[in-house]
Amino acid sequence: MLISLLIVALARTFGVGIAYDVVARRCGVAREQRVPELLFATYKNTGMAAAMSMVLLGPAAAVPAAVLMSAEIPWLIYITRSMAPPAR
């Protein structure tokens, strides 16, 4: 179950993020505007979803959100390396 959750979490995070970046670049969105929008598009209140799940449904309901949070670490590494400001 955890492996399937991790695969879906990675696909959701990287899929949405890369797709948005491609579309935004094609539409001519400036890098300064694209980076914050990309982060907002990929981080969809995961922490809040985990907290609400635990309160309303019990600790086991927060597992998918916890797995998603661990999938977001490689995404942050990818974003940092691929969207770093150009060297001067």
N, C-alpha and C. Protein backbone atom coordinates (compact mmCIF):
# COMPACT_ATOMS: atom_id res chain seq x y z
N MET A 1 0.81 -1.19 0.00
CA MET A 1 0.00 0.00 0.00
C MET A 1 0.86 1.26 0.00
N LEU A 2 1.92 1.28 0.81
CA LEU A 2 2.77 2.47 0.88
C LEU A 2 3.47 2.74 -0.45
N ILE A 3 3.89 1.67 -1.13
CA ILE A 3 4.57 1.85 -2.42
C ILE A 3 3.60 2.47 -3.43
N SER A 4 2.38 1.99 -3.47
CA SER A 4 1.41 2.55 -4.42
C SER A 4 1.08 4.00 -4.08
N LEU A 5 0.98 4.32 -2.79
CA LEU A 5 0.76 5.71 -2.38
C LEU A 5 1.93 6.60 -2.79
N LEU A 6 3.15 6.08 -2.63
CA LEU A 6 4.33 6.85 -3.00
C LEU A 6 4.39 7.09 -4.50
N ILE A 7 4.04 6.10 -5.30
CA ILE A 7 4.03 6.25 -6.75
C ILE A 7 3.01 7.32 -7.16
N VAL A 8 1.83 7.25 -6.59
CA VAL A 8 0.80 8.25 -6.90
C VAL A 8 1.24 9.64 -6.43
N ALA A 9 1.85 9.73 -5.27
CA ALA A 9 2.30 11.02 -4.75
C ALA A 9 3.37 11.63 -5.65
N LEU A 10 4.33 10.83 -6.08
CA LEU A 10 5.37 11.33 -6.97
C LEU A 10 4.79 11.75 -8.31
N ALA A 11 3.87 10.94 -8.84
CA ALA A 11 3.24 11.27 -10.12
C ALA A 11 2.44 12.56 -10.01
N ARG A 12 1.72 12.73 -8.91
CA ARG A 12 0.93 13.94 -8.73
C ARG A 12 1.82 15.17 -8.59
N THR A 13 2.83 15.07 -7.77
CA THR A 13 3.68 16.23 -7.52
C THR A 13 4.50 16.60 -8.75
N PHE A 14 5.23 15.63 -9.29
CA PHE A 14 6.07 15.92 -10.44
C PHE A 14 5.22 16.16 -11.69
N GLY A 15 4.15 15.40 -11.86
CA GLY A 15 3.30 15.56 -13.04
C GLY A 15 2.67 16.94 -13.11
N VAL A 16 2.04 17.36 -12.03
CA VAL A 16 1.41 18.69 -11.99
C VAL A 16 2.47 19.78 -12.14
N GLY A 17 3.57 19.64 -11.42
CA GLY A 17 4.61 20.67 -11.46
C GLY A 17 5.26 20.83 -12.82
N ILE A 18 5.66 19.73 -13.42
CA ILE A 18 6.31 19.80 -14.72
C ILE A 18 5.33 20.25 -15.79
N ALA A 19 4.09 19.76 -15.74
CA ALA A 19 3.09 20.18 -16.72
C ALA A 19 2.82 21.68 -16.61
N TYR A 20 2.69 22.18 -15.39
CA TYR A 20 2.47 23.62 -15.22
C TYR A 20 3.66 24.41 -15.75
N ASP A 21 4.86 23.96 -15.45
CA ASP A 21 6.05 24.67 -15.89
C ASP A 21 6.12 24.74 -17.42
N VAL A 22 5.81 23.63 -18.09
CA VAL A 22 5.83 23.61 -19.55
C VAL A 22 4.80 24.58 -20.13
N VAL A 23 3.59 24.53 -19.59
CA VAL A 23 2.53 25.41 -20.09
C VAL A 23 2.88 26.88 -19.81
N ALA A 24 3.37 27.17 -18.62
CA ALA A 24 3.70 28.55 -18.27
C ALA A 24 4.83 29.09 -19.14
N ARG A 25 5.84 28.25 -19.42
CA ARG A 25 6.93 28.69 -20.30
C ARG A 25 6.41 28.99 -21.70
N ARG A 26 5.53 28.12 -22.20
CA ARG A 26 4.97 28.33 -23.55
C ARG A 26 4.11 29.59 -23.62
N CYS A 27 3.48 29.93 -22.50
CA CYS A 27 2.65 31.14 -22.47
C CYS A 27 3.48 32.39 -22.19
N GLY A 28 4.77 32.23 -21.97
CA GLY A 28 5.64 33.37 -21.76
C GLY A 28 5.63 33.95 -20.36
N VAL A 29 5.23 33.16 -19.38
CA VAL A 29 5.22 33.64 -17.99
C VAL A 29 6.67 33.79 -17.52
N ALA A 30 6.98 34.92 -16.93
CA ALA A 30 8.33 35.20 -16.44
C ALA A 30 8.70 34.25 -15.31
N ARG A 31 9.98 33.94 -15.21
CA ARG A 31 10.47 33.04 -14.18
C ARG A 31 10.10 33.52 -12.78
N GLU A 32 10.17 34.83 -12.55
CA GLU A 32 9.87 35.39 -11.23
C GLU A 32 8.42 35.13 -10.82
N GLN A 33 7.53 35.03 -11.77
CA GLN A 33 6.13 34.74 -11.48
C GLN A 33 5.87 33.24 -11.51
N ARG A 34 6.58 32.52 -12.36
CA ARG A 34 6.36 31.09 -12.55
C ARG A 34 6.75 30.28 -11.31
N VAL A 35 7.84 30.62 -10.66
CA VAL A 35 8.32 29.83 -9.52
C VAL A 35 7.30 29.81 -8.37
N PRO A 36 6.80 30.96 -7.89
CA PRO A 36 5.81 30.89 -6.80
C PRO A 36 4.52 30.19 -7.22
N GLU A 37 4.08 30.42 -8.46
CA GLU A 37 2.87 29.75 -8.92
C GLU A 37 3.07 28.25 -8.99
N LEU A 38 4.24 27.83 -9.39
CA LEU A 38 4.56 26.40 -9.46
C LEU A 38 4.52 25.77 -8.07
N LEU A 39 5.07 26.47 -7.10
CA LEU A 39 5.05 25.94 -5.73
C LEU A 39 3.62 25.89 -5.18
N PHE A 40 2.81 26.89 -5.45
CA PHE A 40 1.42 26.87 -5.00
C PHE A 40 0.64 25.75 -5.69
N ALA A 41 0.96 25.48 -6.95
CA ALA A 41 0.26 24.43 -7.70
C ALA A 41 0.59 23.04 -7.17
N THR A 42 1.79 22.86 -6.63
CA THR A 42 2.19 21.52 -6.20
C THR A 42 1.98 21.25 -4.71
N TYR A 43 1.91 22.28 -3.90
CA TYR A 43 1.69 22.07 -2.47
C TYR A 43 0.25 22.44 -2.15
N LYS A 44 -0.58 21.45 -2.07
CA LYS A 44 -2.02 21.68 -1.90
C LYS A 44 -2.47 21.40 -0.47
N ASN A 45 -1.93 22.13 0.46
CA ASN A 45 -2.33 22.02 1.87
C ASN A 45 -2.22 20.61 2.41
N THR A 46 -1.11 19.96 2.11
CA THR A 46 -0.90 18.58 2.56
C THR A 46 -0.90 18.48 4.08
N GLY A 47 -0.23 19.40 4.74
CA GLY A 47 -0.19 19.37 6.19
C GLY A 47 -1.56 19.54 6.82
N MET A 48 -2.34 20.45 6.27
CA MET A 48 -3.70 20.66 6.78
C MET A 48 -4.56 19.42 6.54
N ALA A 49 -4.41 18.79 5.39
CA ALA A 49 -5.17 17.57 5.10
C ALA A 49 -4.80 16.46 6.08
N ALA A 50 -3.52 16.33 6.41
CA ALA A 50 -3.10 15.31 7.37
C ALA A 50 -3.68 15.59 8.75
N ALA A 51 -3.61 16.85 9.18
CA ALA A 51 -4.14 17.20 10.51
C ALA A 51 -5.64 16.97 10.60
N MET A 52 -6.37 17.38 9.58
CA MET A 52 -7.82 17.19 9.60
C MET A 52 -8.18 15.71 9.55
N SER A 53 -7.43 14.94 8.79
CA SER A 53 -7.70 13.50 8.71
C SER A 53 -7.50 12.84 10.07
N MET A 54 -6.42 13.22 10.75
CA MET A 54 -6.15 12.63 12.07
C MET A 54 -7.25 12.98 13.06
N VAL A 55 -7.70 14.22 13.04
CA VAL A 55 -8.72 14.66 13.99
C VAL A 55 -10.07 14.00 13.68
N LEU A 56 -10.44 13.98 12.41
CA LEU A 56 -11.77 13.51 12.04
C LEU A 56 -11.87 11.99 11.90
N LEU A 57 -10.81 11.35 11.41
CA LEU A 57 -10.91 9.92 11.09
C LEU A 57 -9.94 9.02 11.85
N GLY A 58 -8.99 9.60 12.55
CA GLY A 58 -8.03 8.79 13.28
C GLY A 58 -6.66 8.81 12.61
N PRO A 59 -5.65 8.35 13.32
CA PRO A 59 -4.27 8.43 12.84
C PRO A 59 -4.01 7.71 11.51
N ALA A 60 -4.66 6.59 11.26
CA ALA A 60 -4.41 5.84 10.03
C ALA A 60 -4.83 6.62 8.80
N ALA A 61 -5.77 7.53 8.92
CA ALA A 61 -6.25 8.31 7.78
C ALA A 61 -5.22 9.33 7.31
N ALA A 62 -4.23 9.64 8.14
CA ALA A 62 -3.22 10.62 7.77
C ALA A 62 -2.05 10.01 7.01
N VAL A 63 -2.03 8.69 6.83
CA VAL A 63 -0.91 8.02 6.14
C VAL A 63 -0.72 8.55 4.72
N PRO A 64 -1.77 8.66 3.90
CA PRO A 64 -1.53 9.18 2.54
C PRO A 64 -0.90 10.57 2.51
N ALA A 65 -1.33 11.44 3.39
CA ALA A 65 -0.75 12.79 3.43
C ALA A 65 0.69 12.75 3.90
N ALA A 66 1.01 11.87 4.83
CA ALA A 66 2.39 11.74 5.29
C ALA A 66 3.29 11.21 4.18
N VAL A 67 2.79 10.26 3.40
CA VAL A 67 3.56 9.74 2.28
C VAL A 67 3.76 10.84 1.24
N LEU A 68 2.74 11.62 1.00
CA LEU A 68 2.84 12.72 0.04
C LEU A 68 3.89 13.73 0.48
N MET A 69 3.94 14.02 1.77
CA MET A 69 4.95 14.97 2.26
C MET A 69 6.35 14.44 2.01
N SER A 70 6.56 13.13 2.14
CA SER A 70 7.89 12.58 1.88
C SER A 70 8.21 12.60 0.39
N ALA A 71 7.20 12.58 -0.46
CA ALA A 71 7.44 12.67 -1.91
C ALA A 71 7.75 14.09 -2.33
N GLU A 72 7.40 15.06 -1.51
CA GLU A 72 7.65 16.45 -1.87
C GLU A 72 9.09 16.87 -1.63
N ILE A 73 9.85 16.10 -0.86
CA ILE A 73 11.26 16.43 -0.63
C ILE A 73 12.06 16.32 -1.93
N PRO A 74 11.94 15.22 -2.70
CA PRO A 74 12.65 15.19 -3.99
C PRO A 74 12.18 16.29 -4.94
N TRP A 75 10.90 16.66 -4.84
CA TRP A 75 10.38 17.74 -5.68
C TRP A 75 11.08 19.06 -5.36
N LEU A 76 11.26 19.36 -4.07
CA LEU A 76 11.96 20.58 -3.69
C LEU A 76 13.40 20.57 -4.18
N ILE A 77 14.05 19.42 -4.12
CA ILE A 77 15.42 19.31 -4.63
C ILE A 77 15.43 19.57 -6.14
N TYR A 78 14.48 18.97 -6.84
CA TYR A 78 14.39 19.17 -8.30
C TYR A 78 14.14 20.63 -8.64
N ILE A 79 13.21 21.26 -7.95
CA ILE A 79 12.88 22.67 -8.20
C ILE A 79 14.09 23.55 -7.95
N THR A 80 14.78 23.28 -6.85
CA THR A 80 15.94 24.08 -6.49
C THR A 80 17.01 24.02 -7.58
N ARG A 81 17.22 22.84 -8.11
CA ARG A 81 18.26 22.68 -9.13
C ARG A 81 17.82 23.14 -10.51
N SER A 82 16.57 22.93 -10.86
CA SER A 82 16.13 23.26 -12.22
C SER A 82 15.70 24.72 -12.37
N MET A 83 15.29 25.36 -11.29
CA MET A 83 14.79 26.72 -11.39
C MET A 83 15.62 27.73 -10.62
N ALA A 84 16.84 27.36 -10.29
CA ALA A 84 17.71 28.29 -9.59
C ALA A 84 17.95 29.52 -10.46
N PRO A 85 18.10 30.68 -9.85
CA PRO A 85 18.36 31.88 -10.65
C PRO A 85 19.63 31.69 -11.48
N PRO A 86 19.66 32.25 -12.67
CA PRO A 86 20.86 32.13 -13.50
C PRO A 86 22.06 32.76 -12.82
N ALA A 87 23.22 32.13 -12.99
CA ALA A 87 24.46 32.65 -12.40
C ALA A 87 24.84 33.96 -13.09
N ARG A 88 25.35 34.86 -12.30
CA ARG A 88 25.73 36.17 -12.87
C ARG A 88 27.18 36.21 -13.18
